[in-house]
Amino acid sequence: MRVYVTSNGNTIVYGLNGSQAAKDLYAQLSLTIEVEDYSTNEKIFYPPGKLDASDAPVADAGKGTLAYYAPWGDVVMFYDHFGKGSSLYELGTVISGEEFIEALSGSVLITGENETAQE
């Protein structure tokens, strides 16, 4: 499964793992959603529904990691190293467009691989 994040004419492609949390996120697509800055190494957004992280691997987050922070219910796109965190679960990793993550802001379009990724 692939997820496309499109903003300002740039697209970031993530490959999702087989966890239930990744499947739950994919099932909620397509989304037009606000992305927020958090800390100095990540962008976050809040999907409309919670993700089931019961079988998701704990993330060892680095540049390009897509993760889910269960306590807050947000999806995290890392553009720099983070490491491991309690209740931070890996959803997948970037395939292409890693260089665009840090510049994300405002409203973005998030689609699945069978949908057209257009802004």
N, C-alpha and C. Protein backbone atom coordinates (compact mmCIF):
# COMPACT_ATOMS: atom_id res chain seq x y z
N MET A 1 0.84 -1.18 0.00
CA MET A 1 0.00 0.00 0.00
C MET A 1 0.89 1.24 0.00
N ARG A 2 0.48 2.19 -0.79
CA ARG A 2 1.20 3.46 -0.85
C ARG A 2 0.26 4.60 -0.53
N VAL A 3 0.83 5.63 0.09
CA VAL A 3 0.09 6.84 0.43
C VAL A 3 0.82 8.01 -0.21
N TYR A 4 0.05 8.92 -0.80
CA TYR A 4 0.60 10.10 -1.47
C TYR A 4 0.17 11.35 -0.70
N VAL A 5 1.14 12.16 -0.31
CA VAL A 5 0.88 13.43 0.38
C VAL A 5 1.26 14.53 -0.61
N THR A 6 0.27 15.33 -1.03
CA THR A 6 0.50 16.35 -2.06
C THR A 6 0.24 17.74 -1.50
N SER A 7 1.20 18.64 -1.75
CA SER A 7 1.09 20.02 -1.31
C SER A 7 1.96 20.90 -2.19
N ASN A 8 1.44 22.03 -2.62
CA ASN A 8 2.20 23.00 -3.42
C ASN A 8 2.87 22.37 -4.64
N GLY A 9 2.19 21.42 -5.28
CA GLY A 9 2.72 20.78 -6.47
C GLY A 9 3.76 19.70 -6.22
N ASN A 10 4.07 19.43 -4.97
CA ASN A 10 5.05 18.39 -4.62
C ASN A 10 4.33 17.20 -4.00
N THR A 11 4.84 16.00 -4.27
CA THR A 11 4.23 14.79 -3.73
C THR A 11 5.27 13.96 -2.99
N ILE A 12 4.87 13.52 -1.80
CA ILE A 12 5.67 12.61 -0.99
C ILE A 12 4.97 11.26 -1.03
N VAL A 13 5.70 10.20 -1.33
CA VAL A 13 5.12 8.86 -1.41
C VAL A 13 5.66 8.03 -0.25
N TYR A 14 4.73 7.43 0.50
CA TYR A 14 5.09 6.53 1.60
C TYR A 14 4.64 5.12 1.26
N GLY A 15 5.46 4.14 1.58
CA GLY A 15 5.07 2.75 1.53
C GLY A 15 4.63 2.33 2.92
N LEU A 16 3.42 1.82 3.05
CA LEU A 16 2.90 1.43 4.35
C LEU A 16 3.28 -0.01 4.68
N ASN A 17 3.43 -0.28 5.98
CA ASN A 17 3.66 -1.66 6.41
C ASN A 17 2.31 -2.38 6.50
N GLY A 18 2.30 -3.62 6.90
CA GLY A 18 1.07 -4.41 6.93
C GLY A 18 0.30 -4.35 8.23
N SER A 19 0.62 -3.40 9.11
CA SER A 19 -0.05 -3.33 10.41
C SER A 19 -1.51 -2.88 10.27
N GLN A 20 -2.31 -3.20 11.27
CA GLN A 20 -3.70 -2.77 11.27
C GLN A 20 -3.79 -1.25 11.30
N ALA A 21 -2.88 -0.60 12.00
CA ALA A 21 -2.88 0.87 12.06
C ALA A 21 -2.69 1.47 10.66
N ALA A 22 -1.77 0.91 9.88
CA ALA A 22 -1.55 1.38 8.52
C ALA A 22 -2.80 1.15 7.66
N LYS A 23 -3.42 -0.01 7.82
CA LYS A 23 -4.66 -0.31 7.08
C LYS A 23 -5.78 0.63 7.49
N ASP A 24 -5.85 0.96 8.79
CA ASP A 24 -6.88 1.89 9.27
C ASP A 24 -6.69 3.28 8.67
N LEU A 25 -5.44 3.74 8.60
CA LEU A 25 -5.17 5.03 7.98
C LEU A 25 -5.57 5.00 6.51
N TYR A 26 -5.15 3.96 5.81
CA TYR A 26 -5.44 3.84 4.38
C TYR A 26 -6.95 3.85 4.11
N ALA A 27 -7.71 3.21 5.00
CA ALA A 27 -9.17 3.14 4.83
C ALA A 27 -9.84 4.51 4.97
N GLN A 28 -9.16 5.48 5.59
CA GLN A 28 -9.73 6.81 5.79
C GLN A 28 -9.43 7.77 4.63
N LEU A 29 -8.66 7.32 3.66
CA LEU A 29 -8.29 8.18 2.53
C LEU A 29 -9.40 8.22 1.50
N SER A 30 -9.53 9.28 0.78
CA SER A 30 -8.65 10.42 0.67
C SER A 30 -9.05 11.50 1.67
N LEU A 31 -8.04 12.29 2.08
CA LEU A 31 -8.23 13.34 3.07
C LEU A 31 -7.62 14.65 2.57
N THR A 32 -8.30 15.73 2.81
CA THR A 32 -7.70 17.05 2.73
C THR A 32 -7.65 17.51 4.17
N ILE A 33 -6.44 17.73 4.68
CA ILE A 33 -6.26 17.89 6.12
C ILE A 33 -5.14 18.89 6.41
N GLU A 34 -5.21 19.50 7.57
CA GLU A 34 -4.20 20.47 7.99
C GLU A 34 -2.98 19.75 8.59
N VAL A 35 -1.81 20.16 8.15
CA VAL A 35 -0.55 19.66 8.68
C VAL A 35 0.02 20.73 9.60
N GLU A 36 0.55 20.30 10.74
CA GLU A 36 1.11 21.23 11.72
C GLU A 36 2.58 20.90 11.98
N ASP A 37 3.34 21.94 12.34
CA ASP A 37 4.71 21.74 12.82
C ASP A 37 4.65 21.20 14.23
N TYR A 38 5.56 20.29 14.55
CA TYR A 38 5.71 19.86 15.93
C TYR A 38 7.18 19.60 16.16
N SER A 39 7.73 20.18 17.20
CA SER A 39 9.13 20.05 17.53
C SER A 39 9.99 20.58 16.38
N THR A 40 11.18 20.05 16.24
CA THR A 40 12.10 20.53 15.20
C THR A 40 12.40 19.46 14.16
N ASN A 41 11.59 18.40 14.15
CA ASN A 41 11.91 17.28 13.26
C ASN A 41 10.70 16.58 12.67
N GLU A 42 9.51 17.14 12.84
CA GLU A 42 8.33 16.41 12.39
C GLU A 42 7.17 17.32 12.01
N LYS A 43 6.32 16.79 11.16
CA LYS A 43 5.03 17.39 10.80
C LYS A 43 3.96 16.40 11.25
N ILE A 44 2.83 16.92 11.71
CA ILE A 44 1.78 16.03 12.20
C ILE A 44 0.43 16.39 11.60
N PHE A 45 -0.46 15.39 11.56
CA PHE A 45 -1.86 15.63 11.23
C PHE A 45 -2.71 14.64 12.00
N TYR A 46 -3.97 15.00 12.16
CA TYR A 46 -4.91 14.18 12.92
C TYR A 46 -5.92 13.55 11.98
N PRO A 47 -5.82 12.23 11.74
CA PRO A 47 -6.83 11.58 10.90
C PRO A 47 -8.18 11.61 11.61
N PRO A 48 -9.27 11.50 10.86
CA PRO A 48 -10.60 11.59 11.48
C PRO A 48 -10.89 10.50 12.50
N GLY A 49 -10.33 9.31 12.31
CA GLY A 49 -10.59 8.20 13.23
C GLY A 49 -9.31 7.67 13.85
N LYS A 50 -9.44 7.04 15.00
CA LYS A 50 -8.30 6.41 15.68
C LYS A 50 -7.78 5.24 14.86
N LEU A 51 -6.51 4.91 15.05
CA LEU A 51 -5.89 3.77 14.38
C LEU A 51 -5.61 2.69 15.42
N ASP A 52 -5.82 1.43 15.04
CA ASP A 52 -5.57 0.30 15.93
C ASP A 52 -4.10 -0.09 15.85
N ALA A 53 -3.33 0.30 16.86
CA ALA A 53 -1.88 0.06 16.86
C ALA A 53 -1.48 -1.24 17.56
N SER A 54 -2.43 -2.12 17.82
CA SER A 54 -2.16 -3.33 18.61
C SER A 54 -1.08 -4.24 18.01
N ASP A 55 -0.94 -4.26 16.68
CA ASP A 55 0.08 -5.11 16.06
C ASP A 55 1.15 -4.31 15.34
N ALA A 56 1.15 -2.99 15.50
CA ALA A 56 2.13 -2.14 14.82
C ALA A 56 3.47 -2.18 15.54
N PRO A 57 4.57 -2.19 14.79
CA PRO A 57 5.88 -2.18 15.43
C PRO A 57 6.17 -0.82 16.07
N VAL A 58 6.88 -0.84 17.20
CA VAL A 58 7.32 0.42 17.81
C VAL A 58 8.30 1.07 16.84
N ALA A 59 8.11 2.36 16.61
CA ALA A 59 8.95 3.06 15.63
C ALA A 59 10.31 3.40 16.21
N ASP A 60 11.33 3.23 15.39
CA ASP A 60 12.65 3.80 15.64
C ASP A 60 12.77 4.88 14.58
N ALA A 61 12.17 6.02 14.86
CA ALA A 61 11.89 7.03 13.85
C ALA A 61 13.14 7.78 13.40
N GLY A 62 13.31 7.80 12.11
CA GLY A 62 14.36 8.57 11.47
C GLY A 62 13.75 9.39 10.35
N LYS A 63 14.60 10.06 9.62
CA LYS A 63 14.15 10.85 8.48
C LYS A 63 13.37 9.96 7.52
N GLY A 64 12.13 10.37 7.20
CA GLY A 64 11.30 9.62 6.28
C GLY A 64 10.36 8.62 6.91
N THR A 65 10.38 8.49 8.23
CA THR A 65 9.47 7.56 8.91
C THR A 65 8.07 8.18 9.01
N LEU A 66 7.06 7.36 8.75
CA LEU A 66 5.66 7.72 8.96
C LEU A 66 5.21 6.93 10.18
N ALA A 67 4.70 7.61 11.20
CA ALA A 67 4.38 6.95 12.46
C ALA A 67 3.06 7.45 13.02
N TYR A 68 2.58 6.74 14.03
CA TYR A 68 1.33 7.08 14.72
C TYR A 68 1.63 7.20 16.20
N TYR A 69 1.28 8.35 16.78
CA TYR A 69 1.45 8.54 18.22
C TYR A 69 0.10 8.29 18.86
N ALA A 70 -0.07 7.10 19.41
CA ALA A 70 -1.37 6.64 19.89
C ALA A 70 -2.03 7.52 20.95
N PRO A 71 -1.29 8.02 21.96
CA PRO A 71 -1.98 8.81 23.00
C PRO A 71 -2.70 10.05 22.47
N TRP A 72 -2.13 10.68 21.45
CA TRP A 72 -2.75 11.90 20.90
C TRP A 72 -3.56 11.63 19.64
N GLY A 73 -3.37 10.47 19.03
CA GLY A 73 -4.10 10.13 17.81
C GLY A 73 -3.61 10.86 16.58
N ASP A 74 -2.32 11.26 16.57
CA ASP A 74 -1.80 11.97 15.40
C ASP A 74 -0.84 11.10 14.60
N VAL A 75 -0.79 11.40 13.31
CA VAL A 75 0.16 10.76 12.40
C VAL A 75 1.33 11.71 12.25
N VAL A 76 2.54 11.15 12.30
CA VAL A 76 3.76 11.95 12.31
C VAL A 76 4.60 11.63 11.07
N MET A 77 5.03 12.68 10.40
CA MET A 77 5.94 12.56 9.26
C MET A 77 7.28 13.16 9.69
N PHE A 78 8.28 12.32 9.88
CA PHE A 78 9.58 12.80 10.36
C PHE A 78 10.45 13.26 9.19
N TYR A 79 11.06 14.43 9.36
CA TYR A 79 12.03 14.91 8.38
C TYR A 79 13.44 14.98 8.96
N ASP A 80 13.60 14.51 10.19
CA ASP A 80 14.91 14.38 10.82
C ASP A 80 14.82 13.26 11.84
N HIS A 81 15.95 12.88 12.40
CA HIS A 81 16.00 11.75 13.34
C HIS A 81 15.22 12.05 14.62
N PHE A 82 14.57 11.02 15.16
CA PHE A 82 13.89 11.11 16.45
C PHE A 82 14.33 9.99 17.38
N GLY A 83 14.25 8.75 16.92
CA GLY A 83 14.55 7.58 17.75
C GLY A 83 13.26 6.92 18.21
N LYS A 84 13.33 6.22 19.33
CA LYS A 84 12.17 5.49 19.84
C LYS A 84 11.42 6.34 20.85
N GLY A 85 10.11 6.13 20.89
CA GLY A 85 9.28 6.82 21.87
C GLY A 85 8.16 5.92 22.31
N SER A 86 7.78 6.05 23.54
CA SER A 86 6.68 5.25 24.07
C SER A 86 5.40 5.56 23.30
N SER A 87 4.72 4.53 22.85
CA SER A 87 3.45 4.65 22.13
C SER A 87 3.58 5.29 20.75
N LEU A 88 4.79 5.27 20.17
CA LEU A 88 5.01 5.74 18.80
C LEU A 88 5.18 4.51 17.91
N TYR A 89 4.27 4.33 16.97
CA TYR A 89 4.22 3.11 16.16
C TYR A 89 4.48 3.43 14.69
N GLU A 90 5.30 2.59 14.08
CA GLU A 90 5.63 2.80 12.67
C GLU A 90 4.48 2.38 11.77
N LEU A 91 4.18 3.25 10.79
CA LEU A 91 3.17 2.96 9.77
C LEU A 91 3.83 2.66 8.43
N GLY A 92 5.01 3.23 8.20
CA GLY A 92 5.70 3.02 6.94
C GLY A 92 6.89 3.94 6.80
N THR A 93 7.46 3.96 5.59
CA THR A 93 8.63 4.80 5.31
C THR A 93 8.48 5.47 3.95
N VAL A 94 9.20 6.56 3.79
CA VAL A 94 9.12 7.32 2.55
C VAL A 94 9.78 6.55 1.41
N ILE A 95 9.16 6.63 0.25
CA ILE A 95 9.70 6.03 -0.96
C ILE A 95 10.33 7.12 -1.83
N SER A 96 9.63 8.25 -1.93
CA SER A 96 10.16 9.39 -2.69
C SER A 96 9.56 10.69 -2.16
N GLY A 97 10.26 11.77 -2.44
CA GLY A 97 9.79 13.09 -2.00
C GLY A 97 10.18 13.46 -0.59
N GLU A 98 11.12 12.72 0.00
CA GLU A 98 11.55 12.98 1.38
C GLU A 98 11.96 14.44 1.58
N GLU A 99 12.53 15.04 0.54
CA GLU A 99 13.01 16.42 0.65
C GLU A 99 11.89 17.44 0.81
N PHE A 100 10.63 17.04 0.58
CA PHE A 100 9.50 17.97 0.69
C PHE A 100 8.82 17.95 2.06
N ILE A 101 9.16 17.00 2.92
CA ILE A 101 8.44 16.86 4.20
C ILE A 101 8.58 18.11 5.05
N GLU A 102 9.78 18.61 5.21
CA GLU A 102 10.01 19.75 6.11
C GLU A 102 9.23 20.99 5.68
N ALA A 103 8.98 21.17 4.39
CA ALA A 103 8.29 22.36 3.89
C ALA A 103 6.76 22.25 3.96
N LEU A 104 6.22 21.10 4.33
CA LEU A 104 4.77 20.95 4.39
C LEU A 104 4.17 21.94 5.37
N SER A 105 3.05 22.55 4.96
CA SER A 105 2.31 23.43 5.86
C SER A 105 0.90 23.62 5.32
N GLY A 106 0.00 23.97 6.22
CA GLY A 106 -1.37 24.22 5.81
C GLY A 106 -2.09 22.97 5.36
N SER A 107 -2.95 23.12 4.38
CA SER A 107 -3.80 22.04 3.91
C SER A 107 -3.06 21.17 2.89
N VAL A 108 -3.11 19.85 3.09
CA VAL A 108 -2.50 18.90 2.16
C VAL A 108 -3.55 17.86 1.75
N LEU A 109 -3.32 17.26 0.60
CA LEU A 109 -4.17 16.18 0.10
C LEU A 109 -3.44 14.87 0.33
N ILE A 110 -4.11 13.92 0.97
CA ILE A 110 -3.52 12.60 1.22
C ILE A 110 -4.42 11.57 0.55
N THR A 111 -3.83 10.81 -0.37
CA THR A 111 -4.58 9.83 -1.14
C THR A 111 -3.89 8.47 -1.10
N GLY A 112 -4.63 7.44 -1.51
CA GLY A 112 -4.08 6.10 -1.62
C GLY A 112 -3.63 5.83 -3.04
N GLU A 113 -3.01 4.68 -3.26
CA GLU A 113 -2.41 4.40 -4.56
C GLU A 113 -3.40 4.23 -5.69
N ASN A 114 -4.67 3.97 -5.40
CA ASN A 114 -5.65 3.82 -6.46
C ASN A 114 -6.43 5.10 -6.73
N GLU A 115 -6.00 6.19 -6.09
CA GLU A 115 -6.67 7.47 -6.27
C GLU A 115 -5.73 8.43 -6.98
N THR A 116 -6.27 9.45 -7.59
CA THR A 116 -5.46 10.44 -8.26
C THR A 116 -4.92 11.42 -7.23
N ALA A 117 -3.61 11.56 -7.17
CA ALA A 117 -2.99 12.49 -6.22
C ALA A 117 -2.84 13.86 -6.88
N GLN A 118 -3.91 14.62 -6.85
CA GLN A 118 -3.89 15.97 -7.40
C GLN A 118 -4.34 16.94 -6.34
N GLU A 119 -3.75 18.12 -6.38
CA GLU A 119 -4.11 19.15 -5.41
C GLU A 119 -5.38 19.84 -5.84
